[in-house]
Amino acid sequence: MIDSIIKWSLHNRLFVLVGAFGLIVWGGLESREMPVDVFPDLTAPTVTVITEAHGMA
């Protein structure tokens, strides 16, 4: 089955390229409409540690 898909793709290169380009354009348009919470937060997590130094006046 995979062999026949590969042969078909090699014989119909233009169709495959147009389909791939269409999927890329469609994905780009759909990504503009996604809400912001779908994308992960890229900031590094920060940790604050507060301690007391005993004997340091």
PDB file of N, CA and C in Angstrom:
ATOM      1  N   MET A   1       0.827  -1.190   0.000  1.00  0.00           N
ATOM      2  CA  MET A   1       0.000   0.000   0.000  1.00  0.00           C
ATOM      3  C   MET A   1       0.872   1.256   0.000  1.00  0.00           C
ATOM      4  N   ILE A   2       1.894   1.280   0.837  1.00  0.00           N
ATOM      5  CA  ILE A   2       2.785   2.437   0.885  1.00  0.00           C
ATOM      6  C   ILE A   2       3.494   2.597  -0.453  1.00  0.00           C
ATOM      7  N   ASP A   3       3.854   1.472  -1.054  1.00  0.00           N
ATOM      8  CA  ASP A   3       4.533   1.504  -2.345  1.00  0.00           C
ATOM      9  C   ASP A   3       3.658   2.175  -3.401  1.00  0.00           C
ATOM     10  N   SER A   4       2.378   1.872  -3.403  1.00  0.00           N
ATOM     11  CA  SER A   4       1.483   2.482  -4.393  1.00  0.00           C
ATOM     12  C   SER A   4       1.288   3.975  -4.126  1.00  0.00           C
ATOM     13  N   ILE A   5       1.284   4.382  -2.860  1.00  0.00           N
ATOM     14  CA  ILE A   5       1.163   5.814  -2.535  1.00  0.00           C
ATOM     15  C   ILE A   5       2.408   6.563  -3.010  1.00  0.00           C
ATOM     16  N   ILE A   6       3.574   5.968  -2.816  1.00  0.00           N
ATOM     17  CA  ILE A   6       4.817   6.601  -3.258  1.00  0.00           C
ATOM     18  C   ILE A   6       4.851   6.712  -4.775  1.00  0.00           C
ATOM     19  N   LYS A   7       4.468   5.649  -5.470  1.00  0.00           N
ATOM     20  CA  LYS A   7       4.444   5.689  -6.940  1.00  0.00           C
ATOM     21  C   LYS A   7       3.469   6.746  -7.443  1.00  0.00           C
ATOM     22  N   TRP A   8       2.275   6.814  -6.825  1.00  0.00           N
ATOM     23  CA  TRP A   8       1.280   7.808  -7.231  1.00  0.00           C
ATOM     24  C   TRP A   8       1.814   9.219  -6.995  1.00  0.00           C
ATOM     25  N   SER A   9       2.497   9.441  -5.856  1.00  0.00           N
ATOM     26  CA  SER A   9       3.043  10.759  -5.534  1.00  0.00           C
ATOM     27  C   SER A   9       4.136  11.161  -6.519  1.00  0.00           C
ATOM     28  N   LEU A  10       4.947  10.197  -6.941  1.00  0.00           N
ATOM     29  CA  LEU A  10       6.002  10.508  -7.901  1.00  0.00           C
ATOM     30  C   LEU A  10       5.437  10.833  -9.281  1.00  0.00           C
ATOM     31  N   HIS A  11       4.332  10.223  -9.650  1.00  0.00           N
ATOM     32  CA  HIS A  11       3.717  10.486 -10.954  1.00  0.00           C
ATOM     33  C   HIS A  11       2.887  11.764 -10.942  1.00  0.00           C
ATOM     34  N   ASN A  12       2.442  12.204  -9.776  1.00  0.00           N
ATOM     35  CA  ASN A  12       1.597  13.398  -9.662  1.00  0.00           C
ATOM     36  C   ASN A  12       2.260  14.436  -8.754  1.00  0.00           C
ATOM     37  N   ARG A  13       3.472  14.829  -9.108  1.00  0.00           N
ATOM     38  CA  ARG A  13       4.246  15.744  -8.265  1.00  0.00           C
ATOM     39  C   ARG A  13       3.554  17.092  -8.099  1.00  0.00           C
ATOM     40  N   LEU A  14       2.980  17.614  -9.154  1.00  0.00           N
ATOM     41  CA  LEU A  14       2.335  18.926  -9.078  1.00  0.00           C
ATOM     42  C   LEU A  14       1.163  18.891  -8.104  1.00  0.00           C
ATOM     43  N   PHE A  15       0.379  17.841  -8.162  1.00  0.00           N
ATOM     44  CA  PHE A  15      -0.757  17.708  -7.249  1.00  0.00           C
ATOM     45  C   PHE A  15      -0.284  17.647  -5.799  1.00  0.00           C
ATOM     46  N   VAL A  16       0.797  16.921  -5.559  1.00  0.00           N
ATOM     47  CA  VAL A  16       1.337  16.797  -4.198  1.00  0.00           C
ATOM     48  C   VAL A  16       1.868  18.150  -3.718  1.00  0.00           C
ATOM     49  N   LEU A  17       2.580  18.881  -4.570  1.00  0.00           N
ATOM     50  CA  LEU A  17       3.106  20.192  -4.191  1.00  0.00           C
ATOM     51  C   LEU A  17       1.993  21.194  -3.917  1.00  0.00           C
ATOM     52  N   VAL A  18       0.969  21.202  -4.760  1.00  0.00           N
ATOM     53  CA  VAL A  18      -0.161  22.116  -4.543  1.00  0.00           C
ATOM     54  C   VAL A  18      -0.884  21.759  -3.249  1.00  0.00           C
ATOM     55  N   GLY A  19      -1.047  20.486  -2.986  1.00  0.00           N
ATOM     56  CA  GLY A  19      -1.694  20.061  -1.741  1.00  0.00           C
ATOM     57  C   GLY A  19      -0.884  20.451  -0.516  1.00  0.00           C
ATOM     58  N   ALA A  20       0.433  20.270  -0.581  1.00  0.00           N
ATOM     59  CA  ALA A  20       1.297  20.641   0.547  1.00  0.00           C
ATOM     60  C   ALA A  20       1.274  22.147   0.771  1.00  0.00           C
ATOM     61  N   PHE A  21       1.336  22.917  -0.302  1.00  0.00           N
ATOM     62  CA  PHE A  21       1.278  24.374  -0.187  1.00  0.00           C
ATOM     63  C   PHE A  21      -0.062  24.815   0.390  1.00  0.00           C
ATOM     64  N   GLY A  22      -1.136  24.170  -0.051  1.00  0.00           N
ATOM     65  CA  GLY A  22      -2.463  24.496   0.482  1.00  0.00           C
ATOM     66  C   GLY A  22      -2.568  24.215   1.970  1.00  0.00           C
ATOM     67  N   LEU A  23      -2.000  23.100   2.413  1.00  0.00           N
ATOM     68  CA  LEU A  23      -2.016  22.785   3.848  1.00  0.00           C
ATOM     69  C   LEU A  23      -1.201  23.789   4.659  1.00  0.00           C
ATOM     70  N   ILE A  24      -0.080  24.242   4.108  1.00  0.00           N
ATOM     71  CA  ILE A  24       0.746  25.233   4.805  1.00  0.00           C
ATOM     72  C   ILE A  24      -0.001  26.553   4.935  1.00  0.00           C
ATOM     73  N   VAL A  25      -0.633  26.990   3.853  1.00  0.00           N
ATOM     74  CA  VAL A  25      -1.398  28.244   3.892  1.00  0.00           C
ATOM     75  C   VAL A  25      -2.564  28.118   4.856  1.00  0.00           C
ATOM     76  N   TRP A  26      -3.284  27.022   4.793  1.00  0.00           N
ATOM     77  CA  TRP A  26      -4.429  26.812   5.690  1.00  0.00           C
ATOM     78  C   TRP A  26      -3.984  26.809   7.151  1.00  0.00           C
ATOM     79  N   GLY A  27      -2.871  26.154   7.448  1.00  0.00           N
ATOM     80  CA  GLY A  27      -2.344  26.132   8.814  1.00  0.00           C
ATOM     81  C   GLY A  27      -1.943  27.514   9.294  1.00  0.00           C
ATOM     82  N   GLY A  28      -1.348  28.304   8.409  1.00  0.00           N
ATOM     83  CA  GLY A  28      -0.981  29.675   8.777  1.00  0.00           C
ATOM     84  C   GLY A  28      -2.195  30.531   9.074  1.00  0.00           C
ATOM     85  N   LEU A  29      -3.234  30.374   8.269  1.00  0.00           N
ATOM     86  CA  LEU A  29      -4.458  31.148   8.505  1.00  0.00           C
ATOM     87  C   LEU A  29      -5.152  30.707   9.783  1.00  0.00           C
ATOM     88  N   GLU A  30      -5.168  29.422  10.039  1.00  0.00           N
ATOM     89  CA  GLU A  30      -5.815  28.920  11.254  1.00  0.00           C
ATOM     90  C   GLU A  30      -5.050  29.320  12.510  1.00  0.00           C
ATOM     91  N   SER A  31      -3.720  29.418  12.423  1.00  0.00           N
ATOM     92  CA  SER A  31      -2.936  29.788  13.609  1.00  0.00           C
ATOM     93  C   SER A  31      -3.204  31.223  14.026  1.00  0.00           C
ATOM     94  N   ARG A  32      -3.615  32.082  13.096  1.00  0.00           N
ATOM     95  CA  ARG A  32      -3.960  33.464  13.446  1.00  0.00           C
ATOM     96  C   ARG A  32      -5.244  33.533  14.258  1.00  0.00           C
ATOM     97  N   GLU A  33      -6.129  32.576  14.081  1.00  0.00           N
ATOM     98  CA  GLU A  33      -7.419  32.601  14.763  1.00  0.00           C
ATOM     99  C   GLU A  33      -7.400  31.870  16.104  1.00  0.00           C
ATOM    100  N   MET A  34      -6.273  31.247  16.462  1.00  0.00           N
ATOM    101  CA  MET A  34      -6.188  30.517  17.732  1.00  0.00           C
ATOM    102  C   MET A  34      -6.149  31.496  18.897  1.00  0.00           C
ATOM    103  N   PRO A  35      -6.790  31.137  19.998  1.00  0.00           N
ATOM    104  CA  PRO A  35      -6.674  31.995  21.177  1.00  0.00           C
ATOM    105  C   PRO A  35      -5.248  31.957  21.735  1.00  0.00           C
ATOM    106  N   VAL A  36      -4.884  32.993  22.475  1.00  0.00           N
ATOM    107  CA  VAL A  36      -3.512  33.107  22.967  1.00  0.00           C
ATOM    108  C   VAL A  36      -3.170  31.983  23.941  1.00  0.00           C
ATOM    109  N   ASP A  37      -4.143  31.464  24.722  1.00  0.00           N
ATOM    110  CA  ASP A  37      -3.812  30.430  25.697  1.00  0.00           C
ATOM    111  C   ASP A  37      -3.397  29.110  25.054  1.00  0.00           C
ATOM    112  N   VAL A  38      -3.561  28.966  23.767  1.00  0.00           N
ATOM    113  CA  VAL A  38      -3.144  27.726  23.103  1.00  0.00           C
ATOM    114  C   VAL A  38      -1.617  27.655  23.041  1.00  0.00           C
ATOM    115  N   PHE A  39      -0.952  28.809  22.936  1.00  0.00           N
ATOM    116  CA  PHE A  39       0.500  28.850  22.834  1.00  0.00           C
ATOM    117  C   PHE A  39       1.120  28.794  24.229  1.00  0.00           C
ATOM    118  N   PRO A  40       2.202  28.055  24.417  1.00  0.00           N
ATOM    119  CA  PRO A  40       2.809  27.943  25.751  1.00  0.00           C
ATOM    120  C   PRO A  40       3.516  29.233  26.161  1.00  0.00           C
ATOM    121  N   ASP A  41       3.645  29.438  27.474  1.00  0.00           N
ATOM    122  CA  ASP A  41       4.368  30.580  28.008  1.00  0.00           C
ATOM    123  C   ASP A  41       5.859  30.287  27.907  1.00  0.00           C
ATOM    124  N   LEU A  42       6.614  31.157  27.247  1.00  0.00           N
ATOM    125  CA  LEU A  42       8.025  30.889  26.985  1.00  0.00           C
ATOM    126  C   LEU A  42       8.960  31.544  27.995  1.00  0.00           C
ATOM    127  N   THR A  43       8.432  32.170  29.054  1.00  0.00           N
ATOM    128  CA  THR A  43       9.294  32.795  30.051  1.00  0.00           C
ATOM    129  C   THR A  43       9.847  31.735  31.000  1.00  0.00           C
ATOM    130  N   ALA A  44      11.060  31.971  31.451  1.00  0.00           N
ATOM    131  CA  ALA A  44      11.696  31.023  32.365  1.00  0.00           C
ATOM    132  C   ALA A  44      11.072  31.163  33.753  1.00  0.00           C
ATOM    133  N   PRO A  45      10.838  30.065  34.434  1.00  0.00           N
ATOM    134  CA  PRO A  45      10.269  30.161  35.783  1.00  0.00           C
ATOM    135  C   PRO A  45      11.284  30.769  36.757  1.00  0.00           C
ATOM    136  N   THR A  46      10.806  31.584  37.698  1.00  0.00           N
ATOM    137  CA  THR A  46      11.692  32.187  38.695  1.00  0.00           C
ATOM    138  C   THR A  46      11.265  31.734  40.082  1.00  0.00           C
ATOM    139  N   VAL A  47      12.252  31.559  40.949  1.00  0.00           N
ATOM    140  CA  VAL A  47      12.004  31.137  42.326  1.00  0.00           C
ATOM    141  C   VAL A  47      12.694  32.138  43.244  1.00  0.00           C
ATOM    142  N   THR A  48      11.969  32.679  44.224  1.00  0.00           N
ATOM    143  CA  THR A  48      12.540  33.605  45.194  1.00  0.00           C
ATOM    144  C   THR A  48      12.626  32.900  46.539  1.00  0.00           C
ATOM    145  N   VAL A  49      13.824  32.900  47.116  1.00  0.00           N
ATOM    146  CA  VAL A  49      14.039  32.262  48.415  1.00  0.00           C
ATOM    147  C   VAL A  49      14.434  33.349  49.409  1.00  0.00           C
ATOM    148  N   ILE A  50      13.687  33.474  50.513  1.00  0.00           N
ATOM    149  CA  ILE A  50      13.984  34.456  51.554  1.00  0.00           C
ATOM    150  C   ILE A  50      14.374  33.685  52.815  1.00  0.00           C
ATOM    151  N   THR A  51      15.569  33.968  53.314  1.00  0.00           N
ATOM    152  CA  THR A  51      16.049  33.280  54.516  1.00  0.00           C
ATOM    153  C   THR A  51      16.582  34.301  55.512  1.00  0.00           C
ATOM    154  N   GLU A  52      16.787  33.857  56.716  1.00  0.00           N
ATOM    155  CA  GLU A  52      17.413  34.680  57.746  1.00  0.00           C
ATOM    156  C   GLU A  52      18.795  34.117  58.023  1.00  0.00           C
ATOM    157  N   ALA A  53      19.786  35.023  58.111  1.00  0.00           N
ATOM    158  CA  ALA A  53      21.152  34.605  58.423  1.00  0.00           C
ATOM    159  C   ALA A  53      21.371  34.835  59.914  1.00  0.00           C
ATOM    160  N   HIS A  54      21.297  33.801  60.704  1.00  0.00           N
ATOM    161  CA  HIS A  54      21.455  33.909  62.150  1.00  0.00           C
ATOM    162  C   HIS A  54      22.895  34.252  62.509  1.00  0.00           C
ATOM    163  N   GLY A  55      23.054  35.178  63.449  1.00  0.00           N
ATOM    164  CA  GLY A  55      24.376  35.555  63.921  1.00  0.00           C
ATOM    165  C   GLY A  55      25.073  36.573  63.049  1.00  0.00           C
ATOM    166  N   MET A  56      24.380  37.177  62.097  1.00  0.00           N
ATOM    167  CA  MET A  56      25.006  38.187  61.241  1.00  0.00           C
ATOM    168  C   MET A  56      24.420  39.564  61.557  1.00  0.00           C
ATOM    169  N   ALA A  57      24.217  39.835  62.816  1.00  0.00           N
ATOM    170  CA  ALA A  57      23.711  41.097  63.368  1.00  0.00           C
ATOM    171  C   ALA A  57      22.599  41.628  62.526  1.00  0.00           C
TER     172      ALA A  57
END
